[in-house]
N, C-alpha and C. Protein backbone atom coordinates (compact mmCIF):
# COMPACT_ATOMS: atom_id res chain seq x y z
N MET A 1 -16.67 8.28 12.13
CA MET A 1 -15.26 8.42 11.77
C MET A 1 -15.07 9.66 10.93
N THR A 2 -14.09 10.52 11.25
CA THR A 2 -13.86 11.76 10.53
C THR A 2 -13.20 11.48 9.20
N ARG A 3 -13.27 12.50 8.31
CA ARG A 3 -12.64 12.38 7.00
C ARG A 3 -11.13 12.20 7.14
N ILE A 4 -10.50 12.94 8.09
CA ILE A 4 -9.06 12.80 8.30
C ILE A 4 -8.72 11.39 8.71
N ALA A 5 -9.53 10.81 9.60
CA ALA A 5 -9.27 9.45 10.04
C ALA A 5 -9.42 8.47 8.90
N LEU A 6 -10.40 8.72 8.03
CA LEU A 6 -10.61 7.83 6.88
C LEU A 6 -9.42 7.89 5.93
N ILE A 7 -8.96 9.10 5.65
CA ILE A 7 -7.81 9.24 4.76
C ILE A 7 -6.60 8.54 5.36
N SER A 8 -6.37 8.74 6.66
CA SER A 8 -5.26 8.07 7.33
C SER A 8 -5.41 6.56 7.24
N GLY A 9 -6.65 6.11 7.37
CA GLY A 9 -6.90 4.67 7.29
C GLY A 9 -6.57 4.11 5.94
N PHE A 10 -7.01 4.80 4.88
CA PHE A 10 -6.70 4.34 3.54
C PHE A 10 -5.20 4.32 3.30
N LEU A 11 -4.51 5.36 3.76
CA LEU A 11 -3.06 5.41 3.59
C LEU A 11 -2.38 4.26 4.30
N THR A 12 -2.74 4.08 5.58
CA THR A 12 -2.08 3.05 6.37
C THR A 12 -2.44 1.67 5.88
N ALA A 13 -3.67 1.52 5.39
CA ALA A 13 -4.14 0.20 5.02
C ALA A 13 -3.55 -0.29 3.72
N SER A 14 -2.98 0.58 2.95
CA SER A 14 -2.66 0.20 1.59
C SER A 14 -1.32 -0.46 1.41
N LEU A 15 -0.44 -0.35 2.38
CA LEU A 15 0.89 -0.92 2.27
C LEU A 15 0.98 -2.16 3.12
N ILE A 16 1.00 -3.34 2.51
CA ILE A 16 1.05 -4.61 3.23
C ILE A 16 2.33 -5.33 2.83
N ALA A 17 3.23 -5.53 3.80
CA ALA A 17 4.45 -6.25 3.53
C ALA A 17 4.26 -7.70 3.92
N ALA A 18 4.72 -8.64 3.11
CA ALA A 18 4.35 -10.04 3.31
C ALA A 18 5.54 -10.95 3.52
N GLY A 19 6.43 -10.57 4.41
CA GLY A 19 7.49 -11.47 4.83
C GLY A 19 8.43 -11.89 3.74
N LEU A 20 8.72 -10.99 2.82
CA LEU A 20 9.64 -11.35 1.76
C LEU A 20 11.08 -11.24 2.25
N ALA A 21 11.96 -12.00 1.66
CA ALA A 21 13.38 -11.90 2.00
C ALA A 21 14.01 -10.90 1.04
N PHE A 22 14.27 -9.68 1.55
CA PHE A 22 14.85 -8.64 0.71
C PHE A 22 16.36 -8.75 0.70
N ALA A 23 16.93 -8.48 -0.44
CA ALA A 23 18.38 -8.44 -0.56
C ALA A 23 18.80 -7.00 -0.79
N GLN A 24 19.96 -6.63 -0.34
CA GLN A 24 20.45 -5.28 -0.56
C GLN A 24 20.73 -5.08 -2.04
N GLY A 25 20.68 -3.78 -2.42
CA GLY A 25 20.89 -3.45 -3.81
C GLY A 25 19.56 -3.24 -4.48
N ALA A 26 19.58 -3.06 -5.80
CA ALA A 26 18.37 -2.74 -6.54
C ALA A 26 17.43 -3.93 -6.58
N PRO A 27 16.10 -3.69 -6.38
CA PRO A 27 15.15 -4.78 -6.47
C PRO A 27 14.99 -5.22 -7.90
N ALA A 28 14.58 -6.48 -8.07
CA ALA A 28 14.37 -7.01 -9.41
C ALA A 28 13.28 -6.23 -10.10
N GLU A 29 13.48 -5.83 -11.34
CA GLU A 29 12.52 -5.04 -12.09
C GLU A 29 12.18 -5.71 -13.41
N SER A 30 12.33 -7.01 -13.49
CA SER A 30 12.03 -7.71 -14.73
C SER A 30 10.59 -7.52 -15.09
N GLY A 31 10.35 -7.20 -16.36
CA GLY A 31 9.00 -7.02 -16.82
C GLY A 31 8.51 -5.59 -16.73
N VAL A 32 9.28 -4.68 -16.16
CA VAL A 32 8.87 -3.29 -16.07
C VAL A 32 8.98 -2.66 -17.44
N VAL A 33 7.93 -1.97 -17.85
CA VAL A 33 7.90 -1.38 -19.18
C VAL A 33 8.37 0.06 -19.12
N ALA A 34 9.15 0.48 -20.09
CA ALA A 34 9.71 1.82 -20.09
C ALA A 34 8.63 2.87 -20.35
N THR A 35 8.97 4.14 -20.07
CA THR A 35 8.05 5.24 -20.25
C THR A 35 7.50 5.28 -21.67
N GLY A 36 6.18 5.50 -21.78
CA GLY A 36 5.57 5.68 -23.08
C GLY A 36 5.25 4.41 -23.82
N SER A 37 5.56 3.24 -23.26
CA SER A 37 5.35 1.99 -23.98
C SER A 37 4.11 1.24 -23.54
N ILE A 38 3.28 1.84 -22.66
CA ILE A 38 2.05 1.21 -22.22
C ILE A 38 0.96 1.47 -23.25
N SER A 39 0.44 0.41 -23.81
CA SER A 39 -0.59 0.54 -24.84
C SER A 39 -1.96 0.73 -24.22
N ALA A 40 -2.94 1.09 -25.07
CA ALA A 40 -4.31 1.23 -24.59
C ALA A 40 -4.84 -0.09 -24.06
N ALA A 41 -4.46 -1.18 -24.70
CA ALA A 41 -4.90 -2.50 -24.25
C ALA A 41 -4.31 -2.83 -22.89
N GLN A 42 -3.05 -2.49 -22.67
CA GLN A 42 -2.42 -2.74 -21.37
C GLN A 42 -3.04 -1.88 -20.28
N THR A 43 -3.38 -0.64 -20.62
CA THR A 43 -4.03 0.24 -19.66
C THR A 43 -5.36 -0.34 -19.21
N ALA A 44 -6.14 -0.83 -20.18
CA ALA A 44 -7.42 -1.45 -19.85
C ALA A 44 -7.22 -2.71 -19.01
N GLU A 45 -6.16 -3.44 -19.29
CA GLU A 45 -5.84 -4.65 -18.53
C GLU A 45 -5.50 -4.30 -17.08
N ALA A 46 -4.71 -3.24 -16.89
CA ALA A 46 -4.36 -2.82 -15.54
C ALA A 46 -5.59 -2.39 -14.75
N GLU A 47 -6.48 -1.65 -15.40
CA GLU A 47 -7.69 -1.19 -14.73
C GLU A 47 -8.58 -2.37 -14.34
N ALA A 48 -8.75 -3.32 -15.24
CA ALA A 48 -9.55 -4.50 -14.93
C ALA A 48 -8.92 -5.32 -13.81
N PHE A 49 -7.61 -5.40 -13.81
CA PHE A 49 -6.88 -6.16 -12.79
C PHE A 49 -7.13 -5.60 -11.40
N ILE A 50 -6.96 -4.29 -11.22
CA ILE A 50 -7.11 -3.71 -9.88
C ILE A 50 -8.57 -3.72 -9.45
N LYS A 51 -9.50 -3.57 -10.37
CA LYS A 51 -10.92 -3.66 -10.02
C LYS A 51 -11.24 -5.04 -9.45
N THR A 52 -10.75 -6.06 -10.13
CA THR A 52 -11.02 -7.44 -9.69
C THR A 52 -10.43 -7.70 -8.32
N LYS A 53 -9.18 -7.29 -8.11
CA LYS A 53 -8.52 -7.52 -6.82
C LYS A 53 -9.20 -6.73 -5.71
N HIS A 54 -9.59 -5.51 -6.01
CA HIS A 54 -10.27 -4.67 -5.02
C HIS A 54 -11.57 -5.32 -4.56
N ASN A 55 -12.35 -5.82 -5.51
CA ASN A 55 -13.63 -6.46 -5.16
C ASN A 55 -13.41 -7.72 -4.33
N LYS A 56 -12.36 -8.45 -4.64
CA LYS A 56 -12.06 -9.66 -3.87
C LYS A 56 -11.67 -9.33 -2.43
N VAL A 57 -10.88 -8.26 -2.26
CA VAL A 57 -10.49 -7.85 -0.91
C VAL A 57 -11.72 -7.48 -0.09
N ARG A 58 -12.62 -6.72 -0.67
CA ARG A 58 -13.83 -6.32 0.04
C ARG A 58 -14.68 -7.53 0.40
N ALA A 59 -14.73 -8.49 -0.48
CA ALA A 59 -15.52 -9.70 -0.21
C ALA A 59 -14.93 -10.48 0.96
N VAL A 60 -13.61 -10.58 1.01
CA VAL A 60 -12.96 -11.29 2.12
C VAL A 60 -13.20 -10.55 3.44
N LEU A 61 -13.13 -9.22 3.41
CA LEU A 61 -13.31 -8.44 4.63
C LEU A 61 -14.73 -8.53 5.19
N ARG A 62 -15.67 -8.92 4.38
CA ARG A 62 -17.05 -9.07 4.86
C ARG A 62 -17.28 -10.42 5.54
N LYS A 63 -16.30 -11.29 5.49
CA LYS A 63 -16.41 -12.58 6.16
C LYS A 63 -16.13 -12.41 7.65
N PRO A 64 -16.54 -13.37 8.49
CA PRO A 64 -16.21 -13.31 9.92
C PRO A 64 -14.69 -13.26 10.13
N ASP A 65 -14.29 -12.55 11.17
CA ASP A 65 -12.87 -12.37 11.47
C ASP A 65 -12.30 -13.66 12.06
N THR A 66 -11.60 -14.42 11.23
CA THR A 66 -11.00 -15.69 11.63
C THR A 66 -9.57 -15.75 11.13
N PRO A 67 -8.75 -16.67 11.65
CA PRO A 67 -7.40 -16.85 11.11
C PRO A 67 -7.41 -17.18 9.62
N GLN A 68 -8.43 -17.89 9.17
CA GLN A 68 -8.52 -18.24 7.75
C GLN A 68 -8.73 -16.99 6.91
N ARG A 69 -9.56 -16.06 7.41
CA ARG A 69 -9.77 -14.81 6.68
C ARG A 69 -8.47 -14.02 6.60
N ALA A 70 -7.73 -13.94 7.71
CA ALA A 70 -6.47 -13.21 7.72
C ALA A 70 -5.49 -13.79 6.71
N LYS A 71 -5.46 -15.12 6.62
CA LYS A 71 -4.58 -15.79 5.65
C LYS A 71 -5.00 -15.47 4.23
N GLN A 72 -6.31 -15.50 3.97
CA GLN A 72 -6.80 -15.19 2.63
C GLN A 72 -6.45 -13.76 2.24
N LEU A 73 -6.59 -12.84 3.20
CA LEU A 73 -6.31 -11.44 2.93
C LEU A 73 -4.85 -11.22 2.59
N THR A 74 -3.97 -11.81 3.36
CA THR A 74 -2.54 -11.68 3.11
C THR A 74 -2.17 -12.23 1.73
N GLU A 75 -2.70 -13.38 1.39
CA GLU A 75 -2.42 -13.99 0.10
C GLU A 75 -2.96 -13.14 -1.04
N LEU A 76 -4.16 -12.61 -0.87
CA LEU A 76 -4.78 -11.81 -1.93
C LEU A 76 -4.01 -10.52 -2.18
N LEU A 77 -3.63 -9.83 -1.11
CA LEU A 77 -2.88 -8.59 -1.27
C LEU A 77 -1.52 -8.84 -1.90
N GLY A 78 -0.95 -10.00 -1.62
CA GLY A 78 0.33 -10.35 -2.22
C GLY A 78 0.27 -10.51 -3.71
N GLU A 79 -0.93 -10.66 -4.25
CA GLU A 79 -1.09 -10.84 -5.69
C GLU A 79 -0.98 -9.53 -6.47
N PHE A 80 -1.17 -8.39 -5.77
CA PHE A 80 -1.14 -7.15 -6.55
C PHE A 80 -0.30 -6.03 -5.94
N LEU A 81 0.23 -6.19 -4.75
CA LEU A 81 1.09 -5.15 -4.18
C LEU A 81 2.56 -5.49 -4.40
N ASP A 82 3.33 -4.53 -4.88
CA ASP A 82 4.75 -4.72 -5.13
C ASP A 82 5.50 -4.39 -3.83
N TYR A 83 5.58 -5.38 -2.95
CA TYR A 83 6.18 -5.18 -1.64
C TYR A 83 7.63 -4.72 -1.73
N ASP A 84 8.38 -5.33 -2.62
CA ASP A 84 9.80 -5.01 -2.75
C ASP A 84 9.98 -3.52 -3.05
N ARG A 85 9.26 -3.04 -4.04
CA ARG A 85 9.43 -1.66 -4.44
C ARG A 85 8.88 -0.68 -3.39
N LEU A 86 7.75 -1.02 -2.80
CA LEU A 86 7.18 -0.17 -1.75
C LEU A 86 8.14 0.00 -0.57
N ALA A 87 8.71 -1.11 -0.13
CA ALA A 87 9.62 -1.05 1.01
C ALA A 87 10.87 -0.25 0.67
N ARG A 88 11.43 -0.49 -0.50
CA ARG A 88 12.65 0.22 -0.89
C ARG A 88 12.39 1.72 -1.05
N LEU A 89 11.27 2.07 -1.70
CA LEU A 89 10.95 3.48 -1.90
C LEU A 89 10.70 4.19 -0.58
N SER A 90 10.10 3.51 0.38
CA SER A 90 9.79 4.15 1.66
C SER A 90 11.06 4.44 2.46
N LEU A 91 12.08 3.62 2.30
CA LEU A 91 13.36 3.88 2.99
C LEU A 91 14.28 4.79 2.20
N ASP A 92 14.07 4.88 0.90
CA ASP A 92 14.86 5.76 0.04
C ASP A 92 16.35 5.42 0.16
N LYS A 93 17.21 6.40 0.38
CA LYS A 93 18.66 6.17 0.43
C LYS A 93 19.09 5.31 1.60
N GLU A 94 18.26 5.25 2.62
CA GLU A 94 18.60 4.46 3.81
C GLU A 94 18.66 2.97 3.49
N TRP A 95 17.95 2.54 2.45
CA TRP A 95 17.89 1.11 2.10
C TRP A 95 19.29 0.54 1.88
N ASP A 96 20.10 1.25 1.10
CA ASP A 96 21.42 0.74 0.74
C ASP A 96 22.41 0.79 1.91
N LYS A 97 22.07 1.48 2.98
CA LYS A 97 22.95 1.57 4.14
C LYS A 97 22.73 0.42 5.11
N ARG A 98 21.68 -0.35 4.92
CA ARG A 98 21.29 -1.37 5.89
C ARG A 98 21.68 -2.77 5.45
N SER A 99 21.98 -3.61 6.43
CA SER A 99 22.33 -5.01 6.15
C SER A 99 21.06 -5.81 5.85
N ASN A 100 21.25 -7.00 5.30
CA ASN A 100 20.10 -7.86 5.03
C ASN A 100 19.31 -8.14 6.31
N LYS A 101 20.03 -8.35 7.41
CA LYS A 101 19.38 -8.63 8.68
C LYS A 101 18.53 -7.45 9.13
N GLU A 102 19.05 -6.23 8.98
CA GLU A 102 18.30 -5.04 9.37
C GLU A 102 17.07 -4.86 8.50
N LEU A 103 17.21 -5.13 7.21
CA LEU A 103 16.08 -4.99 6.31
C LEU A 103 15.00 -6.02 6.61
N ASP A 104 15.41 -7.24 6.91
CA ASP A 104 14.44 -8.27 7.28
C ASP A 104 13.64 -7.86 8.50
N LYS A 105 14.33 -7.29 9.50
CA LYS A 105 13.68 -6.84 10.72
C LYS A 105 12.69 -5.73 10.41
N PHE A 106 13.11 -4.77 9.61
CA PHE A 106 12.26 -3.64 9.24
C PHE A 106 11.00 -4.12 8.52
N VAL A 107 11.18 -5.01 7.55
CA VAL A 107 10.03 -5.49 6.77
C VAL A 107 9.06 -6.28 7.64
N GLY A 108 9.59 -7.07 8.55
CA GLY A 108 8.72 -7.84 9.43
C GLY A 108 7.86 -6.95 10.31
N LEU A 109 8.46 -5.89 10.88
CA LEU A 109 7.70 -4.97 11.71
C LEU A 109 6.69 -4.19 10.90
N LEU A 110 7.11 -3.75 9.72
CA LEU A 110 6.20 -3.00 8.86
C LEU A 110 5.00 -3.84 8.47
N ARG A 111 5.25 -5.09 8.15
CA ARG A 111 4.17 -6.01 7.80
C ARG A 111 3.15 -6.14 8.93
N ALA A 112 3.66 -6.38 10.14
CA ALA A 112 2.76 -6.58 11.27
C ALA A 112 1.94 -5.33 11.58
N LEU A 113 2.57 -4.17 11.54
CA LEU A 113 1.87 -2.92 11.83
C LEU A 113 0.79 -2.62 10.80
N VAL A 114 1.14 -2.74 9.54
CA VAL A 114 0.20 -2.31 8.52
C VAL A 114 -0.91 -3.32 8.28
N GLU A 115 -0.61 -4.60 8.43
CA GLU A 115 -1.68 -5.58 8.29
C GLU A 115 -2.74 -5.37 9.38
N ARG A 116 -2.30 -5.09 10.60
CA ARG A 116 -3.24 -4.82 11.67
C ARG A 116 -4.09 -3.59 11.35
N GLN A 117 -3.43 -2.53 10.91
CA GLN A 117 -4.13 -1.29 10.63
C GLN A 117 -5.04 -1.44 9.41
N TYR A 118 -4.62 -2.25 8.45
CA TYR A 118 -5.43 -2.49 7.26
C TYR A 118 -6.80 -3.04 7.64
N GLN A 119 -6.81 -4.06 8.46
CA GLN A 119 -8.06 -4.70 8.83
C GLN A 119 -8.95 -3.74 9.61
N ARG A 120 -8.37 -3.00 10.54
CA ARG A 120 -9.17 -2.08 11.36
C ARG A 120 -9.82 -0.99 10.52
N ASN A 121 -9.07 -0.43 9.60
CA ASN A 121 -9.57 0.71 8.83
C ASN A 121 -10.45 0.31 7.66
N MET A 122 -10.09 -0.73 6.95
CA MET A 122 -10.89 -1.12 5.80
C MET A 122 -12.25 -1.68 6.20
N GLU A 123 -12.31 -2.34 7.32
CA GLU A 123 -13.61 -2.83 7.79
C GLU A 123 -14.56 -1.67 8.06
N SER A 124 -14.03 -0.55 8.52
CA SER A 124 -14.86 0.62 8.83
C SER A 124 -15.28 1.38 7.58
N THR A 125 -14.72 1.04 6.42
CA THR A 125 -15.06 1.74 5.18
C THR A 125 -15.76 0.84 4.17
N LEU A 126 -16.27 -0.29 4.62
CA LEU A 126 -16.96 -1.19 3.71
C LEU A 126 -18.26 -0.60 3.17
N GLN A 127 -18.82 0.35 3.91
CA GLN A 127 -20.05 0.99 3.46
C GLN A 127 -19.78 2.19 2.54
N TYR A 128 -18.70 2.11 1.83
CA TYR A 128 -18.37 3.14 0.85
C TYR A 128 -18.58 2.59 -0.56
N GLN A 129 -19.18 3.41 -1.41
CA GLN A 129 -19.36 3.03 -2.81
C GLN A 129 -18.15 3.51 -3.61
N VAL A 130 -17.55 2.60 -4.33
CA VAL A 130 -16.34 2.92 -5.09
C VAL A 130 -16.67 3.03 -6.57
N LYS A 131 -16.22 4.12 -7.17
CA LYS A 131 -16.36 4.31 -8.61
C LYS A 131 -14.98 4.42 -9.24
N TRP A 132 -14.83 3.84 -10.40
CA TRP A 132 -13.56 3.91 -11.13
C TRP A 132 -13.70 4.99 -12.19
N VAL A 133 -12.81 5.99 -12.12
CA VAL A 133 -13.04 7.23 -12.85
C VAL A 133 -12.00 7.53 -13.92
N GLY A 134 -11.22 6.54 -14.32
CA GLY A 134 -10.30 6.75 -15.43
C GLY A 134 -8.87 6.36 -15.12
N THR A 135 -8.00 6.63 -16.08
CA THR A 135 -6.58 6.31 -15.96
C THR A 135 -5.75 7.45 -16.53
N GLU A 136 -4.47 7.45 -16.19
CA GLU A 136 -3.53 8.37 -16.81
C GLU A 136 -2.17 7.72 -16.90
N PRO A 137 -1.41 8.00 -17.96
CA PRO A 137 -0.09 7.40 -18.09
C PRO A 137 0.90 8.01 -17.10
N ILE A 138 1.80 7.21 -16.59
CA ILE A 138 2.89 7.67 -15.73
C ILE A 138 4.17 7.03 -16.23
N ASP A 139 5.30 7.49 -15.72
CA ASP A 139 6.59 6.99 -16.19
C ASP A 139 6.72 5.48 -16.03
N GLU A 140 6.21 4.97 -14.91
CA GLU A 140 6.41 3.55 -14.60
C GLU A 140 5.32 2.65 -15.16
N GLY A 141 4.25 3.23 -15.68
CA GLY A 141 3.16 2.40 -16.17
C GLY A 141 1.88 3.19 -16.33
N VAL A 142 0.94 3.01 -15.38
CA VAL A 142 -0.35 3.68 -15.48
C VAL A 142 -0.90 3.93 -14.08
N LYS A 143 -1.61 5.03 -13.93
CA LYS A 143 -2.30 5.32 -12.67
C LYS A 143 -3.79 5.08 -12.90
N VAL A 144 -4.38 4.22 -12.08
CA VAL A 144 -5.80 3.92 -12.16
C VAL A 144 -6.50 4.68 -11.05
N LYS A 145 -7.52 5.47 -11.42
CA LYS A 145 -8.16 6.38 -10.49
C LYS A 145 -9.51 5.86 -10.02
N SER A 146 -9.79 6.11 -8.73
CA SER A 146 -11.09 5.74 -8.18
C SER A 146 -11.55 6.78 -7.18
N SER A 147 -12.83 6.71 -6.84
CA SER A 147 -13.44 7.62 -5.90
C SER A 147 -14.34 6.83 -4.97
N ALA A 148 -14.23 7.07 -3.65
CA ALA A 148 -15.02 6.34 -2.66
C ALA A 148 -15.89 7.32 -1.89
N ARG A 149 -17.21 7.04 -1.85
CA ARG A 149 -18.15 7.91 -1.15
C ARG A 149 -18.99 7.10 -0.17
N SER A 150 -19.20 7.65 1.01
CA SER A 150 -20.01 6.99 2.02
C SER A 150 -21.46 6.88 1.56
N VAL A 151 -22.05 5.71 1.74
CA VAL A 151 -23.45 5.52 1.36
C VAL A 151 -24.38 5.94 2.50
N THR A 152 -23.84 6.16 3.69
CA THR A 152 -24.67 6.55 4.83
C THR A 152 -24.53 8.04 5.16
N LYS A 153 -23.38 8.64 4.77
CA LYS A 153 -23.16 10.06 5.01
C LYS A 153 -22.97 10.75 3.66
N LYS A 154 -24.10 10.97 2.99
CA LYS A 154 -24.05 11.43 1.61
C LYS A 154 -23.51 12.84 1.45
N ARG A 155 -23.51 13.63 2.51
CA ARG A 155 -22.96 14.99 2.42
C ARG A 155 -21.44 15.00 2.53
N GLN A 156 -20.88 13.90 2.97
CA GLN A 156 -19.43 13.81 3.09
C GLN A 156 -18.80 13.72 1.70
N PRO A 157 -17.83 14.58 1.39
CA PRO A 157 -17.23 14.55 0.05
C PRO A 157 -16.51 13.22 -0.19
N PRO A 158 -16.43 12.78 -1.44
CA PRO A 158 -15.75 11.52 -1.74
C PRO A 158 -14.26 11.60 -1.50
N ILE A 159 -13.65 10.45 -1.26
CA ILE A 159 -12.21 10.34 -1.13
C ILE A 159 -11.66 9.76 -2.43
N THR A 160 -10.66 10.40 -2.99
CA THR A 160 -10.04 9.86 -4.20
C THR A 160 -8.92 8.91 -3.83
N ILE A 161 -8.90 7.77 -4.49
CA ILE A 161 -7.88 6.74 -4.24
C ILE A 161 -7.34 6.30 -5.60
N ASP A 162 -6.08 6.61 -5.86
CA ASP A 162 -5.45 6.31 -7.15
C ASP A 162 -4.31 5.33 -6.96
N TYR A 163 -4.20 4.38 -7.88
CA TYR A 163 -3.21 3.31 -7.79
C TYR A 163 -2.17 3.45 -8.89
N SER A 164 -0.92 3.67 -8.52
CA SER A 164 0.18 3.68 -9.48
C SER A 164 0.62 2.23 -9.70
N MET A 165 0.57 1.79 -10.96
CA MET A 165 0.80 0.39 -11.27
C MET A 165 1.84 0.24 -12.38
N HIS A 166 2.54 -0.88 -12.35
CA HIS A 166 3.46 -1.20 -13.44
C HIS A 166 3.40 -2.70 -13.71
N PRO A 167 3.70 -3.09 -14.94
CA PRO A 167 3.68 -4.52 -15.27
C PRO A 167 4.96 -5.19 -14.80
N VAL A 168 4.80 -6.33 -14.16
CA VAL A 168 5.93 -7.16 -13.73
C VAL A 168 5.67 -8.56 -14.26
N GLY A 169 6.42 -8.94 -15.26
CA GLY A 169 6.14 -10.21 -15.93
C GLY A 169 4.78 -10.14 -16.61
N LYS A 170 3.93 -11.09 -16.32
CA LYS A 170 2.59 -11.13 -16.91
C LYS A 170 1.53 -10.52 -15.98
N GLU A 171 1.97 -10.02 -14.83
CA GLU A 171 1.04 -9.46 -13.87
C GLU A 171 1.22 -7.95 -13.75
N TRP A 172 0.26 -7.32 -13.06
CA TRP A 172 0.37 -5.91 -12.71
C TRP A 172 0.60 -5.79 -11.22
N LYS A 173 1.37 -4.80 -10.82
CA LYS A 173 1.65 -4.59 -9.40
C LYS A 173 1.44 -3.11 -9.05
N VAL A 174 0.90 -2.89 -7.86
CA VAL A 174 0.73 -1.54 -7.32
C VAL A 174 1.97 -1.18 -6.52
N PHE A 175 2.58 -0.02 -6.81
CA PHE A 175 3.77 0.39 -6.08
C PHE A 175 3.59 1.70 -5.33
N ASP A 176 2.46 2.36 -5.52
CA ASP A 176 2.15 3.55 -4.72
C ASP A 176 0.64 3.77 -4.78
N ILE A 177 0.11 4.39 -3.73
CA ILE A 177 -1.32 4.70 -3.67
C ILE A 177 -1.46 6.14 -3.21
N PHE A 178 -2.28 6.89 -3.93
CA PHE A 178 -2.54 8.29 -3.61
C PHE A 178 -3.95 8.42 -3.05
N THR A 179 -4.06 8.93 -1.82
CA THR A 179 -5.35 9.17 -1.21
C THR A 179 -5.55 10.67 -1.10
N ASP A 180 -6.56 11.20 -1.81
CA ASP A 180 -6.74 12.65 -1.92
C ASP A 180 -5.43 13.32 -2.30
N ASP A 181 -4.77 12.73 -3.30
CA ASP A 181 -3.52 13.24 -3.89
C ASP A 181 -2.32 13.16 -2.95
N VAL A 182 -2.43 12.46 -1.85
CA VAL A 182 -1.30 12.28 -0.93
C VAL A 182 -0.69 10.91 -1.19
N SER A 183 0.58 10.88 -1.51
CA SER A 183 1.28 9.63 -1.85
C SER A 183 1.60 8.82 -0.61
N LEU A 184 1.24 7.55 -0.65
CA LEU A 184 1.58 6.63 0.44
C LEU A 184 3.08 6.54 0.63
N VAL A 185 3.81 6.37 -0.47
CA VAL A 185 5.26 6.23 -0.41
C VAL A 185 5.90 7.47 0.19
N LYS A 186 5.51 8.64 -0.28
CA LYS A 186 6.09 9.88 0.23
C LYS A 186 5.75 10.09 1.70
N ASN A 187 4.55 9.69 2.10
CA ASN A 187 4.13 9.81 3.49
C ASN A 187 5.04 8.99 4.40
N TYR A 188 5.27 7.74 4.04
CA TYR A 188 6.14 6.89 4.85
C TYR A 188 7.59 7.34 4.77
N LYS A 189 8.03 7.75 3.60
CA LYS A 189 9.41 8.20 3.44
C LYS A 189 9.70 9.38 4.37
N ARG A 190 8.76 10.31 4.44
CA ARG A 190 8.93 11.48 5.29
C ARG A 190 8.99 11.08 6.77
N GLN A 191 8.10 10.18 7.19
CA GLN A 191 8.10 9.74 8.58
C GLN A 191 9.38 9.00 8.94
N PHE A 192 9.79 8.07 8.08
CA PHE A 192 10.98 7.28 8.37
C PHE A 192 12.22 8.16 8.41
N ARG A 193 12.33 9.09 7.46
CA ARG A 193 13.50 9.96 7.42
C ARG A 193 13.59 10.81 8.68
N ARG A 194 12.45 11.35 9.12
CA ARG A 194 12.45 12.19 10.32
C ARG A 194 12.93 11.42 11.55
N VAL A 195 12.39 10.21 11.74
CA VAL A 195 12.77 9.43 12.91
C VAL A 195 14.24 9.02 12.84
N ILE A 196 14.69 8.58 11.68
CA ILE A 196 16.09 8.16 11.54
C ILE A 196 17.03 9.33 11.80
N ASN A 197 16.69 10.52 11.28
CA ASN A 197 17.53 11.70 11.50
C ASN A 197 17.61 12.09 12.97
N GLU A 198 16.49 11.93 13.68
CA GLU A 198 16.43 12.36 15.08
C GLU A 198 16.89 11.29 16.05
N GLU A 199 16.63 10.02 15.73
CA GLU A 199 16.86 8.95 16.70
C GLU A 199 17.71 7.80 16.17
N GLY A 200 18.07 7.85 14.89
CA GLY A 200 18.87 6.79 14.32
C GLY A 200 18.03 5.60 13.88
N TRP A 201 18.70 4.63 13.25
CA TRP A 201 18.01 3.44 12.74
C TRP A 201 17.35 2.66 13.87
N GLN A 202 18.08 2.46 14.95
CA GLN A 202 17.52 1.69 16.06
C GLN A 202 16.32 2.42 16.67
N GLY A 203 16.34 3.75 16.63
CA GLY A 203 15.19 4.51 17.10
C GLY A 203 13.94 4.21 16.30
N LEU A 204 14.11 4.08 14.98
CA LEU A 204 12.98 3.72 14.12
C LEU A 204 12.45 2.34 14.47
N ILE A 205 13.36 1.38 14.61
CA ILE A 205 12.94 0.01 14.94
C ILE A 205 12.25 -0.03 16.30
N ASP A 206 12.78 0.69 17.28
CA ASP A 206 12.18 0.73 18.61
C ASP A 206 10.76 1.30 18.55
N ARG A 207 10.60 2.38 17.80
CA ARG A 207 9.27 3.00 17.68
C ARG A 207 8.27 2.03 17.05
N MET A 208 8.70 1.34 16.00
CA MET A 208 7.80 0.41 15.31
C MET A 208 7.41 -0.75 16.23
N GLU A 209 8.35 -1.24 17.02
CA GLU A 209 8.05 -2.33 17.95
C GLU A 209 7.03 -1.88 19.00
N LYS A 210 7.21 -0.66 19.51
CA LYS A 210 6.28 -0.15 20.52
C LYS A 210 4.89 0.03 19.95
N LYS A 211 4.81 0.45 18.69
CA LYS A 211 3.50 0.72 18.09
C LYS A 211 2.71 -0.55 17.81
N LEU A 212 3.34 -1.68 17.87
CA LEU A 212 2.59 -2.93 17.68
C LEU A 212 1.53 -3.11 18.76
N ASN A 213 1.74 -2.45 19.90
CA ASN A 213 0.77 -2.55 20.99
C ASN A 213 0.04 -1.23 21.22
N ALA A 214 0.13 -0.32 20.25
CA ALA A 214 -0.51 1.00 20.38
C ALA A 214 -1.65 1.11 19.39
N GLU A 215 -2.42 2.19 19.53
CA GLU A 215 -3.61 2.36 18.71
C GLU A 215 -3.46 3.47 17.68
N ASN A 216 -2.36 4.23 17.71
CA ASN A 216 -2.29 5.40 16.86
C ASN A 216 -1.53 5.12 15.57
N GLU A 217 -0.91 6.15 15.01
CA GLU A 217 -0.32 6.03 13.69
C GLU A 217 0.90 5.11 13.65
N LEU A 218 1.41 4.93 12.43
CA LEU A 218 2.48 3.96 12.18
C LEU A 218 3.68 4.17 13.10
N ILE A 219 4.26 5.37 13.12
CA ILE A 219 5.42 5.62 13.97
C ILE A 219 5.21 6.90 14.78
């Protein structure tokens, strides 16, 4: 597998939508901490949180591919990914133009596409050693940084994978992932905007439906 394919896999694999019922308007942000208010203790908590969840995901992926494993994976990812914010950010201004029914359709297709791609790509990267290399403050919370290197292709440069996280209630949630400094949210936002501008909203939905039976990228 090439480095480009691996980066694409990490990007595609990281956004998992889990059948939430989205409402139009601003998503709930209760528990979000304002800029500059993340303490050193909270930063350490966020880093420990994502490490634990990451290790659990890898453990589940090493199990035989069964419906039970798929269920465990969906539930586990739901514990740390902020689906509401990811979906809204990926649509940007288009979110407020769509009805609840349209948003439900979009989220359902996105969930099916990315969950499929997640399993395909992450299984192929299980032989990567992950190191956690620090944190940095961001407006919404903290970015936790990691580096993944192949244990079989040692000459291949490592891939950096950084998680933008914010506190929601008593938990931490990931709302963006940067792979080699490429933002997952910006990547999807660019793709969705291009298709909507060229083909309209229904064009985006049609493309996503067709890709459910295809092998290539999201749209």
